[in-house]
């Protein structure tokens, strides 16, 4: 949001802040959320180039709805599942490290 818009909102009585402010997240919690979202997005991009959600689920002995949740950043999905899914698409540990390193 640009500064002028922020000032207009504040002048009208609105509170302006980030999602982290709203949810009262610590810096570490905020980074963890960003990492999970980056992994989810990268998983979806990789998977779409290679296979269907059903094919990935089969490869991982999981279910298609679970893969959909992983790709959409569902909070019930662990980082471990995201990494396992990325590895199942052929990602290397270096690929995963680059995704994480790209956060902030």
C-alpha atoms as a PDB file:
ATOM      1  CA  UNK A   1       0.000   0.000   0.000  1.00  0.00           C
ATOM      2  CA  UNK A   2       1.379   3.379  -0.910  1.00  0.00           C
ATOM      3  CA  UNK A   3       2.015   6.011   1.752  1.00  0.00           C
ATOM      4  CA  UNK A   4      -0.728   8.402   0.560  1.00  0.00           C
ATOM      5  CA  UNK A   5      -3.390   5.713   0.803  1.00  0.00           C
ATOM      6  CA  UNK A   6      -2.124   4.669   4.227  1.00  0.00           C
ATOM      7  CA  UNK A   7      -2.343   8.281   5.447  1.00  0.00           C
ATOM      8  CA  UNK A   8      -5.905   8.683   4.088  1.00  0.00           C
ATOM      9  CA  UNK A   9      -7.041   5.541   5.869  1.00  0.00           C
ATOM     10  CA  UNK A  10      -5.422   6.543   9.159  1.00  0.00           C
ATOM     11  CA  UNK A  11      -6.968  10.012   8.884  1.00  0.00           C
ATOM     12  CA  UNK A  12     -10.394   8.382   8.568  1.00  0.00           C
ATOM     13  CA  UNK A  13      -9.820   6.331  11.714  1.00  0.00           C
ATOM     14  CA  UNK A  14      -8.716   3.050  10.208  1.00  0.00           C
ATOM     15  CA  UNK A  15      -5.951   0.986  11.771  1.00  0.00           C
ATOM     16  CA  UNK A  16      -3.339   0.088   9.204  1.00  0.00           C
ATOM     17  CA  UNK A  17      -0.910  -2.776   9.644  1.00  0.00           C
ATOM     18  CA  UNK A  18       0.240  -6.119   8.371  1.00  0.00           C
ATOM     19  CA  UNK A  19      -1.312  -9.530   8.783  1.00  0.00           C
ATOM     20  CA  UNK A  20       1.413 -10.216  11.348  1.00  0.00           C
ATOM     21  CA  UNK A  21       0.292  -7.181  13.332  1.00  0.00           C
ATOM     22  CA  UNK A  22      -3.348  -8.250  13.152  1.00  0.00           C
ATOM     23  CA  UNK A  23      -2.580 -11.803  14.270  1.00  0.00           C
ATOM     24  CA  UNK A  24       0.049 -10.631  16.782  1.00  0.00           C
ATOM     25  CA  UNK A  25       2.685 -12.939  15.310  1.00  0.00           C
ATOM     26  CA  UNK A  26       6.273 -12.889  16.444  1.00  0.00           C
ATOM     27  CA  UNK A  27       8.932 -12.336  13.796  1.00  0.00           C
ATOM     28  CA  UNK A  28       9.732 -16.055  13.875  1.00  0.00           C
ATOM     29  CA  UNK A  29       6.082 -17.056  13.451  1.00  0.00           C
ATOM     30  CA  UNK A  30       5.697 -14.663  10.559  1.00  0.00           C
ATOM     31  CA  UNK A  31       8.753 -16.099   8.789  1.00  0.00           C
ATOM     32  CA  UNK A  32       7.481 -19.646   9.360  1.00  0.00           C
ATOM     33  CA  UNK A  33       4.156 -18.736   7.721  1.00  0.00           C
ATOM     34  CA  UNK A  34       6.021 -17.181   4.784  1.00  0.00           C
ATOM     35  CA  UNK A  35       8.175 -20.308   4.388  1.00  0.00           C
ATOM     36  CA  UNK A  36       5.132 -22.589   4.373  1.00  0.00           C
ATOM     37  CA  UNK A  37       3.393 -20.411   1.796  1.00  0.00           C
ATOM     38  CA  UNK A  38       6.491 -20.307  -0.424  1.00  0.00           C
ATOM     39  CA  UNK A  39       6.836 -24.096  -0.254  1.00  0.00           C
ATOM     40  CA  UNK A  40       3.125 -24.543  -1.042  1.00  0.00           C
ATOM     41  CA  UNK A  41       3.281 -22.236  -4.032  1.00  0.00           C
ATOM     42  CA  UNK A  42       6.440 -23.853  -5.369  1.00  0.00           C
ATOM     43  CA  UNK A  43       4.962 -27.330  -4.921  1.00  0.00           C
ATOM     44  CA  UNK A  44       1.909 -26.348  -6.951  1.00  0.00           C
ATOM     45  CA  UNK A  45       4.023 -24.840  -9.736  1.00  0.00           C
ATOM     46  CA  UNK A  46       6.312 -27.898  -9.917  1.00  0.00           C
ATOM     47  CA  UNK A  47       3.481 -30.399  -9.742  1.00  0.00           C
ATOM     48  CA  UNK A  48       1.406 -28.682 -12.454  1.00  0.00           C
ATOM     49  CA  UNK A  49       4.302 -29.045 -14.888  1.00  0.00           C
ATOM     50  CA  UNK A  50       4.759 -32.747 -14.176  1.00  0.00           C
ATOM     51  CA  UNK A  51       1.619 -34.525 -13.011  1.00  0.00           C
ATOM     52  CA  UNK A  52      -1.887 -34.308 -11.609  1.00  0.00           C
ATOM     53  CA  UNK A  53      -2.689 -34.026  -7.921  1.00  0.00           C
ATOM     54  CA  UNK A  54      -3.992 -37.593  -8.043  1.00  0.00           C
ATOM     55  CA  UNK A  55      -0.734 -38.858  -9.539  1.00  0.00           C
ATOM     56  CA  UNK A  56       1.332 -37.068  -6.887  1.00  0.00           C
ATOM     57  CA  UNK A  57      -0.950 -38.373  -4.142  1.00  0.00           C
ATOM     58  CA  UNK A  58      -0.537 -41.921  -5.426  1.00  0.00           C
ATOM     59  CA  UNK A  59       3.235 -41.512  -5.566  1.00  0.00           C
ATOM     60  CA  UNK A  60       3.210 -40.382  -1.924  1.00  0.00           C
ATOM     61  CA  UNK A  61       0.584 -42.870  -0.672  1.00  0.00           C
ATOM     62  CA  UNK A  62      -1.608 -39.916   0.199  1.00  0.00           C
ATOM     63  CA  UNK A  63      -4.881 -38.507  -1.135  1.00  0.00           C
ATOM     64  CA  UNK A  64      -5.721 -35.915  -3.771  1.00  0.00           C
ATOM     65  CA  UNK A  65      -7.548 -33.671  -1.245  1.00  0.00           C
ATOM     66  CA  UNK A  66      -4.430 -33.692   0.952  1.00  0.00           C
ATOM     67  CA  UNK A  67      -2.299 -32.573  -2.008  1.00  0.00           C
ATOM     68  CA  UNK A  68      -4.839 -29.823  -2.761  1.00  0.00           C
ATOM     69  CA  UNK A  69      -4.576 -28.645   0.849  1.00  0.00           C
ATOM     70  CA  UNK A  70      -0.774 -28.687   0.649  1.00  0.00           C
ATOM     71  CA  UNK A  71      -0.812 -26.597  -2.528  1.00  0.00           C
ATOM     72  CA  UNK A  72      -3.268 -24.099  -1.071  1.00  0.00           C
ATOM     73  CA  UNK A  73      -1.356 -23.407   2.140  1.00  0.00           C
ATOM     74  CA  UNK A  74      -3.807 -25.119   4.489  1.00  0.00           C
ATOM     75  CA  UNK A  75      -2.631 -24.701   8.068  1.00  0.00           C
ATOM     76  CA  UNK A  76      -3.171 -28.416   8.784  1.00  0.00           C
ATOM     77  CA  UNK A  77      -0.372 -29.324   6.364  1.00  0.00           C
ATOM     78  CA  UNK A  78       3.070 -29.737   7.911  1.00  0.00           C
ATOM     79  CA  UNK A  79       6.314 -28.506   6.456  1.00  0.00           C
ATOM     80  CA  UNK A  80       7.388 -32.150   6.414  1.00  0.00           C
ATOM     81  CA  UNK A  81       4.531 -33.050   4.059  1.00  0.00           C
ATOM     82  CA  UNK A  82       5.346 -30.089   1.818  1.00  0.00           C
ATOM     83  CA  UNK A  83       8.976 -31.167   1.584  1.00  0.00           C
ATOM     84  CA  UNK A  84       8.053 -34.830   0.977  1.00  0.00           C
ATOM     85  CA  UNK A  85       5.701 -33.747  -1.811  1.00  0.00           C
ATOM     86  CA  UNK A  86       8.340 -31.526  -3.390  1.00  0.00           C
ATOM     87  CA  UNK A  87      10.862 -34.368  -3.277  1.00  0.00           C
ATOM     88  CA  UNK A  88       8.260 -36.627  -4.924  1.00  0.00           C
ATOM     89  CA  UNK A  89       8.092 -34.145  -7.812  1.00  0.00           C
ATOM     90  CA  UNK A  90      11.840 -34.480  -8.277  1.00  0.00           C
ATOM     91  CA  UNK A  91      12.964 -31.426  -6.321  1.00  0.00           C
ATOM     92  CA  UNK A  92      16.424 -31.640  -4.807  1.00  0.00           C
ATOM     93  CA  UNK A  93      17.336 -30.471  -1.323  1.00  0.00           C
ATOM     94  CA  UNK A  94      19.063 -27.546  -3.049  1.00  0.00           C
ATOM     95  CA  UNK A  95      15.806 -26.640  -4.845  1.00  0.00           C
ATOM     96  CA  UNK A  96      13.952 -26.650  -1.538  1.00  0.00           C
ATOM     97  CA  UNK A  97      16.712 -24.602   0.084  1.00  0.00           C
ATOM     98  CA  UNK A  98      16.422 -21.988  -2.672  1.00  0.00           C
ATOM     99  CA  UNK A  99      12.679 -21.675  -2.054  1.00  0.00           C
ATOM    100  CA  UNK A 100      13.274 -21.153   1.652  1.00  0.00           C
ATOM    101  CA  UNK A 101      16.190 -18.773   1.038  1.00  0.00           C
ATOM    102  CA  UNK A 102      13.946 -16.655  -1.191  1.00  0.00           C
ATOM    103  CA  UNK A 103      11.649 -15.805   1.717  1.00  0.00           C
ATOM    104  CA  UNK A 104      12.203 -12.183   2.748  1.00  0.00           C
END
